[in-house]
PDB file of N, CA and C in Angstrom:
ATOM      1  N   MET A   1       1.455  -7.930 -10.805  1.00  0.00           N
ATOM      2  CA  MET A   1       2.661  -7.541 -10.125  1.00  0.00           C
ATOM      3  C   MET A   1       3.519  -8.795  -9.951  1.00  0.00           C
ATOM      4  N   TYR A   2       4.793  -8.686 -10.309  1.00  0.00           N
ATOM      5  CA  TYR A   2       5.713  -9.809 -10.181  1.00  0.00           C
ATOM      6  C   TYR A   2       6.766  -9.478  -9.143  1.00  0.00           C
ATOM      7  N   ASN A   3       6.938 -10.327  -8.163  1.00  0.00           N
ATOM      8  CA  ASN A   3       7.940 -10.122  -7.143  1.00  0.00           C
ATOM      9  C   ASN A   3       8.697 -11.421  -6.961  1.00  0.00           C
ATOM     10  N   TRP A   4       9.979 -11.392  -7.221  1.00  0.00           N
ATOM     11  CA  TRP A   4      10.788 -12.600  -7.197  1.00  0.00           C
ATOM     12  C   TRP A   4      11.302 -12.973  -5.807  1.00  0.00           C
ATOM     13  N   ASN A   5      11.282 -12.058  -4.839  1.00  0.00           N
ATOM     14  CA  ASN A   5      11.878 -12.356  -3.543  1.00  0.00           C
ATOM     15  C   ASN A   5      10.856 -12.647  -2.438  1.00  0.00           C
ATOM     16  N   ILE A   6       9.598 -12.748  -2.775  1.00  0.00           N
ATOM     17  CA  ILE A   6       8.537 -13.031  -1.803  1.00  0.00           C
ATOM     18  C   ILE A   6       7.741 -14.238  -2.284  1.00  0.00           C
ATOM     19  N   ASP A   7       7.444 -15.141  -1.372  1.00  0.00           N
ATOM     20  CA  ASP A   7       6.572 -16.264  -1.686  1.00  0.00           C
ATOM     21  C   ASP A   7       5.132 -15.778  -1.525  1.00  0.00           C
ATOM     22  N   ILE A   8       4.536 -15.357  -2.624  1.00  0.00           N
ATOM     23  CA  ILE A   8       3.210 -14.753  -2.589  1.00  0.00           C
ATOM     24  C   ILE A   8       2.153 -15.742  -2.107  1.00  0.00           C
ATOM     25  N   ASN A   9       2.284 -16.999  -2.476  1.00  0.00           N
ATOM     26  CA  ASN A   9       1.298 -17.996  -2.024  1.00  0.00           C
ATOM     27  C   ASN A   9       1.313 -18.131  -0.511  1.00  0.00           C
ATOM     28  N   LYS A  10       2.496 -18.097   0.087  1.00  0.00           N
ATOM     29  CA  LYS A  10       2.605 -18.154   1.544  1.00  0.00           C
ATOM     30  C   LYS A  10       2.045 -16.886   2.175  1.00  0.00           C
ATOM     31  N   LEU A  11       2.327 -15.744   1.554  1.00  0.00           N
ATOM     32  CA  LEU A  11       1.859 -14.458   2.065  1.00  0.00           C
ATOM     33  C   LEU A  11       0.331 -14.345   1.987  1.00  0.00           C
ATOM     34  N   LYS A  12      -0.268 -14.931   0.977  1.00  0.00           N
ATOM     35  CA  LYS A  12      -1.722 -14.867   0.814  1.00  0.00           C
ATOM     36  C   LYS A  12      -2.485 -15.587   1.924  1.00  0.00           C
ATOM     37  N   LYS A  13      -1.809 -16.438   2.679  1.00  0.00           N
ATOM     38  CA  LYS A  13      -2.456 -17.140   3.783  1.00  0.00           C
ATOM     39  C   LYS A  13      -2.820 -16.185   4.917  1.00  0.00           C
ATOM     40  N   ASN A  14      -2.171 -15.034   4.960  1.00  0.00           N
ATOM     41  CA  ASN A  14      -2.491 -13.988   5.933  1.00  0.00           C
ATOM     42  C   ASN A  14      -3.035 -12.797   5.140  1.00  0.00           C
ATOM     43  N   PRO A  15      -4.359 -12.705   4.958  1.00  0.00           N
ATOM     44  CA  PRO A  15      -4.949 -11.684   4.084  1.00  0.00           C
ATOM     45  C   PRO A  15      -4.588 -10.246   4.460  1.00  0.00           C
ATOM     46  N   GLU A  16      -4.501  -9.957   5.745  1.00  0.00           N
ATOM     47  CA  GLU A  16      -4.170  -8.590   6.153  1.00  0.00           C
ATOM     48  C   GLU A  16      -2.731  -8.231   5.758  1.00  0.00           C
ATOM     49  N   ARG A  17      -1.812  -9.109   6.049  1.00  0.00           N
ATOM     50  CA  ARG A  17      -0.410  -8.844   5.708  1.00  0.00           C
ATOM     51  C   ARG A  17      -0.221  -8.770   4.201  1.00  0.00           C
ATOM     52  N   TYR A  18      -0.950  -9.610   3.452  1.00  0.00           N
ATOM     53  CA  TYR A  18      -0.871  -9.575   1.989  1.00  0.00           C
ATOM     54  C   TYR A  18      -1.391  -8.247   1.454  1.00  0.00           C
ATOM     55  N   ALA A  19      -2.496  -7.761   1.995  1.00  0.00           N
ATOM     56  CA  ALA A  19      -3.059  -6.479   1.553  1.00  0.00           C
ATOM     57  C   ALA A  19      -2.087  -5.336   1.846  1.00  0.00           C
ATOM     58  N   ILE A  20      -1.470  -5.350   3.011  1.00  0.00           N
ATOM     59  CA  ILE A  20      -0.499  -4.318   3.378  1.00  0.00           C
ATOM     60  C   ILE A  20       0.708  -4.382   2.452  1.00  0.00           C
ATOM     61  N   TRP A  21       1.223  -5.574   2.207  1.00  0.00           N
ATOM     62  CA  TRP A  21       2.373  -5.748   1.326  1.00  0.00           C
ATOM     63  C   TRP A  21       2.076  -5.245  -0.089  1.00  0.00           C
ATOM     64  N   LYS A  22       0.889  -5.596  -0.569  1.00  0.00           N
ATOM     65  CA  LYS A  22       0.507  -5.192  -1.921  1.00  0.00           C
ATOM     66  C   LYS A  22       0.401  -3.670  -2.037  1.00  0.00           C
ATOM     67  N   LEU A  23      -0.184  -3.028  -1.029  1.00  0.00           N
ATOM     68  CA  LEU A  23      -0.265  -1.568  -1.028  1.00  0.00           C
ATOM     69  C   LEU A  23       1.128  -0.941  -1.000  1.00  0.00           C
ATOM     70  N   GLU A  24       1.986  -1.451  -0.140  1.00  0.00           N
ATOM     71  CA  GLU A  24       3.348  -0.921  -0.050  1.00  0.00           C
ATOM     72  C   GLU A  24       4.086  -1.064  -1.373  1.00  0.00           C
ATOM     73  N   GLN A  25       3.946  -2.198  -2.019  1.00  0.00           N
ATOM     74  CA  GLN A  25       4.609  -2.426  -3.304  1.00  0.00           C
ATOM     75  C   GLN A  25       4.122  -1.442  -4.359  1.00  0.00           C
ATOM     76  N   ARG A  26       2.825  -1.258  -4.434  1.00  0.00           N
ATOM     77  CA  ARG A  26       2.265  -0.356  -5.438  1.00  0.00           C
ATOM     78  C   ARG A  26       2.668   1.085  -5.184  1.00  0.00           C
ATOM     79  N   ILE A  27       2.696   1.499  -3.933  1.00  0.00           N
ATOM     80  CA  ILE A  27       3.049   2.879  -3.606  1.00  0.00           C
ATOM     81  C   ILE A  27       4.544   3.114  -3.799  1.00  0.00           C
ATOM     82  N   ASN A  28       5.371   2.203  -3.305  1.00  0.00           N
ATOM     83  CA  ASN A  28       6.820   2.406  -3.352  1.00  0.00           C
ATOM     84  C   ASN A  28       7.442   2.153  -4.721  1.00  0.00           C
ATOM     85  N   PHE A  29       6.893   1.223  -5.486  1.00  0.00           N
ATOM     86  CA  PHE A  29       7.546   0.808  -6.720  1.00  0.00           C
ATOM     87  C   PHE A  29       6.732   1.019  -7.988  1.00  0.00           C
ATOM     88  N   GLY A  30       5.562   1.624  -7.882  1.00  0.00           N
ATOM     89  CA  GLY A  30       4.765   1.917  -9.057  1.00  0.00           C
ATOM     90  C   GLY A  30       3.533   1.047  -9.168  1.00  0.00           C
ATOM     91  N   LEU A  31       2.554   1.591  -9.808  1.00  0.00           N
ATOM     92  CA  LEU A  31       1.264   0.907  -9.915  1.00  0.00           C
ATOM     93  C   LEU A  31       1.226  -0.126 -11.024  1.00  0.00           C
ATOM     94  N   ASN A  32       2.080   0.036 -12.038  1.00  0.00           N
ATOM     95  CA  ASN A  32       2.125  -0.902 -13.162  1.00  0.00           C
ATOM     96  C   ASN A  32       0.746  -1.082 -13.796  1.00  0.00           C
ATOM     97  N   GLY A  33       0.032   0.025 -13.953  1.00  0.00           N
ATOM     98  CA  GLY A  33      -1.273  -0.019 -14.599  1.00  0.00           C
ATOM     99  C   GLY A  33      -2.425  -0.429 -13.698  1.00  0.00           C
ATOM    100  N   GLN A  34      -2.145  -0.672 -12.420  1.00  0.00           N
ATOM    101  CA  GLN A  34      -3.191  -1.094 -11.492  1.00  0.00           C
ATOM    102  C   GLN A  34      -3.608   0.081 -10.618  1.00  0.00           C
ATOM    103  N   LYS A  35      -4.758  -0.042  -9.992  1.00  0.00           N
ATOM    104  CA  LYS A  35      -5.256   1.006  -9.116  1.00  0.00           C
ATOM    105  C   LYS A  35      -5.101   0.602  -7.660  1.00  0.00           C
ATOM    106  N   ILE A  36      -5.029   1.624  -6.807  1.00  0.00           N
ATOM    107  CA  ILE A  36      -4.962   1.381  -5.372  1.00  0.00           C
ATOM    108  C   ILE A  36      -6.380   1.442  -4.816  1.00  0.00           C
ATOM    109  N   ASN A  37      -6.727   0.486  -4.001  1.00  0.00           N
ATOM    110  CA  ASN A  37      -8.026   0.462  -3.346  1.00  0.00           C
ATOM    111  C   ASN A  37      -7.991   1.481  -2.199  1.00  0.00           C
ATOM    112  N   ILE A  38      -8.747   2.563  -2.321  1.00  0.00           N
ATOM    113  CA  ILE A  38      -8.728   3.655  -1.346  1.00  0.00           C
ATOM    114  C   ILE A  38      -9.211   3.186   0.027  1.00  0.00           C
ATOM    115  N   GLU A  39     -10.212   2.326   0.068  1.00  0.00           N
ATOM    116  CA  GLU A  39     -10.713   1.845   1.346  1.00  0.00           C
ATOM    117  C   GLU A  39      -9.635   1.060   2.099  1.00  0.00           C
ATOM    118  N   LYS A  40      -8.900   0.207   1.378  1.00  0.00           N
ATOM    119  CA  LYS A  40      -7.830  -0.560   2.014  1.00  0.00           C
ATOM    120  C   LYS A  40      -6.679   0.365   2.424  1.00  0.00           C
ATOM    121  N   LEU A  41      -6.407   1.349   1.608  1.00  0.00           N
ATOM    122  CA  LEU A  41      -5.357   2.303   1.941  1.00  0.00           C
ATOM    123  C   LEU A  41      -5.676   3.018   3.250  1.00  0.00           C
ATOM    124  N   LYS A  42      -6.893   3.456   3.411  1.00  0.00           N
ATOM    125  CA  LYS A  42      -7.293   4.118   4.660  1.00  0.00           C
ATOM    126  C   LYS A  42      -7.310   3.139   5.828  1.00  0.00           C
ATOM    127  N   LYS A  43      -7.749   1.921   5.575  1.00  0.00           N
ATOM    128  CA  LYS A  43      -7.848   0.915   6.636  1.00  0.00           C
ATOM    129  C   LYS A  43      -6.473   0.565   7.205  1.00  0.00           C
ATOM    130  N   TYR A  44      -5.484   0.406   6.342  1.00  0.00           N
ATOM    131  CA  TYR A  44      -4.165  -0.026   6.772  1.00  0.00           C
ATOM    132  C   TYR A  44      -3.160   1.130   6.864  1.00  0.00           C
ATOM    133  N   TRP A  45      -3.627   2.352   6.824  1.00  0.00           N
ATOM    134  CA  TRP A  45      -2.766   3.527   6.800  1.00  0.00           C
ATOM    135  C   TRP A  45      -1.667   3.497   7.868  1.00  0.00           C
ATOM    136  N   ASN A  46      -2.019   3.204   9.095  1.00  0.00           N
ATOM    137  CA  ASN A  46      -1.048   3.235  10.191  1.00  0.00           C
ATOM    138  C   ASN A  46      -0.050   2.081  10.158  1.00  0.00           C
ATOM    139  N   LYS A  47      -0.314   1.075   9.350  1.00  0.00           N
ATOM    140  CA  LYS A  47       0.576  -0.083   9.281  1.00  0.00           C
ATOM    141  C   LYS A  47       1.501  -0.043   8.070  1.00  0.00           C
ATOM    142  N   LEU A  48       1.316   0.924   7.178  1.00  0.00           N
ATOM    143  CA  LEU A  48       2.111   0.990   5.957  1.00  0.00           C
ATOM    144  C   LEU A  48       3.512   1.522   6.220  1.00  0.00           C
ATOM    145  N   ILE A  49       4.485   0.881   5.602  1.00  0.00           N
ATOM    146  CA  ILE A  49       5.868   1.346   5.662  1.00  0.00           C
ATOM    147  C   ILE A  49       6.207   1.859   4.267  1.00  0.00           C
ATOM    148  N   ILE A  50       6.073   3.172   4.103  1.00  0.00           N
ATOM    149  CA  ILE A  50       6.340   3.796   2.810  1.00  0.00           C
ATOM    150  C   ILE A  50       7.184   5.047   3.012  1.00  0.00           C
ATOM    151  N   ASP A  51       7.705   5.565   1.929  1.00  0.00           N
ATOM    152  CA  ASP A  51       8.515   6.768   1.952  1.00  0.00           C
ATOM    153  C   ASP A  51       7.746   7.894   2.643  1.00  0.00           C
ATOM    154  N   PRO A  52       8.376   8.604   3.591  1.00  0.00           N
ATOM    155  CA  PRO A  52       7.668   9.656   4.333  1.00  0.00           C
ATOM    156  C   PRO A  52       7.087  10.765   3.456  1.00  0.00           C
ATOM    157  N   GLN A  53       7.790  11.126   2.395  1.00  0.00           N
ATOM    158  CA  GLN A  53       7.277  12.179   1.512  1.00  0.00           C
ATOM    159  C   GLN A  53       6.046  11.707   0.738  1.00  0.00           C
ATOM    160  N   ARG A  54       6.060  10.475   0.300  1.00  0.00           N
ATOM    161  CA  ARG A  54       4.889   9.923  -0.394  1.00  0.00           C
ATOM    162  C   ARG A  54       3.715   9.806   0.568  1.00  0.00           C
ATOM    163  N   LYS A  55       4.015   9.399   1.800  1.00  0.00           N
ATOM    164  CA  LYS A  55       2.958   9.266   2.804  1.00  0.00           C
ATOM    165  C   LYS A  55       2.333  10.630   3.092  1.00  0.00           C
ATOM    166  N   LYS A  56       3.148  11.658   3.152  1.00  0.00           N
ATOM    167  CA  LYS A  56       2.646  13.015   3.386  1.00  0.00           C
ATOM    168  C   LYS A  56       1.736  13.461   2.237  1.00  0.00           C
ATOM    169  N   LEU A  57       2.155  13.201   1.009  1.00  0.00           N
ATOM    170  CA  LEU A  57       1.351  13.566  -0.156  1.00  0.00           C
ATOM    171  C   LEU A  57       0.030  12.787  -0.185  1.00  0.00           C
ATOM    172  N   LEU A  58       0.107  11.487   0.049  1.00  0.00           N
ATOM    173  CA  LEU A  58      -1.113  10.675   0.071  1.00  0.00           C
ATOM    174  C   LEU A  58      -2.069  11.142   1.167  1.00  0.00           C
ATOM    175  N   LYS A  59      -1.514  11.505   2.305  1.00  0.00           N
ATOM    176  CA  LYS A  59      -2.345  11.988   3.406  1.00  0.00           C
ATOM    177  C   LYS A  59      -3.092  13.245   3.006  1.00  0.00           C
ATOM    178  N   MET A  60      -2.411  14.144   2.283  1.00  0.00           N
ATOM    179  CA  MET A  60      -3.072  15.379   1.822  1.00  0.00           C
ATOM    180  C   MET A  60      -4.205  15.062   0.854  1.00  0.00           C
ATOM    181  N   TRP A  61      -4.042  14.036   0.023  1.00  0.00           N
ATOM    182  CA  TRP A  61      -5.090  13.663  -0.927  1.00  0.00           C
ATOM    183  C   TRP A  61      -6.247  12.935  -0.247  1.00  0.00           C
ATOM    184  N   LEU A  62      -5.927  12.082   0.709  1.00  0.00           N
ATOM    185  CA  LEU A  62      -6.964  11.281   1.357  1.00  0.00           C
ATOM    186  C   LEU A  62      -7.789  12.080   2.363  1.00  0.00           C
ATOM    187  N   TRP A  63      -7.110  12.934   3.118  1.00  0.00           N
ATOM    188  CA  TRP A  63      -7.781  13.735   4.155  1.00  0.00           C
ATOM    189  C   TRP A  63      -7.362  15.191   3.984  1.00  0.00           C
ATOM    190  N   PRO A  64      -7.900  15.881   2.982  1.00  0.00           N
ATOM    191  CA  PRO A  64      -7.420  17.231   2.637  1.00  0.00           C
ATOM    192  C   PRO A  64      -7.612  18.281   3.738  1.00  0.00           C
ATOM    193  N   LYS A  65      -8.579  18.163   4.587  1.00  0.00           N
ATOM    194  CA  LYS A  65      -8.846  19.201   5.593  1.00  0.00           C
ATOM    195  C   LYS A  65      -8.058  18.988   6.875  1.00  0.00           C
ATOM    196  N   GLN A  66      -7.389  17.861   7.029  1.00  0.00           N
ATOM    197  CA  GLN A  66      -6.644  17.568   8.247  1.00  0.00           C
ATOM    198  C   GLN A  66      -5.203  18.061   8.195  1.00  0.00           C
ATOM    199  N   SER A  67      -4.711  18.493   7.053  1.00  0.00           N
ATOM    200  CA  SER A  67      -3.309  18.870   6.920  1.00  0.00           C
ATOM    201  C   SER A  67      -2.956  20.106   7.674  1.00  0.00           C
TER     202      SER A  67
END
């Protein structure tokens, strides 16, 4: 993943924020051939800032009986 407006080396110093940023980028802008780590997605679910419709769809896939 290439991002020109973020200093990734600086962001990597905070592993939690880096993981959240990476998940948000992949969800909002495409996977670019990469996979999303489901455990991290569930772990940081409440901290993700993503499109509400995508979040609703992901929620249905992650927790199908809670919808």
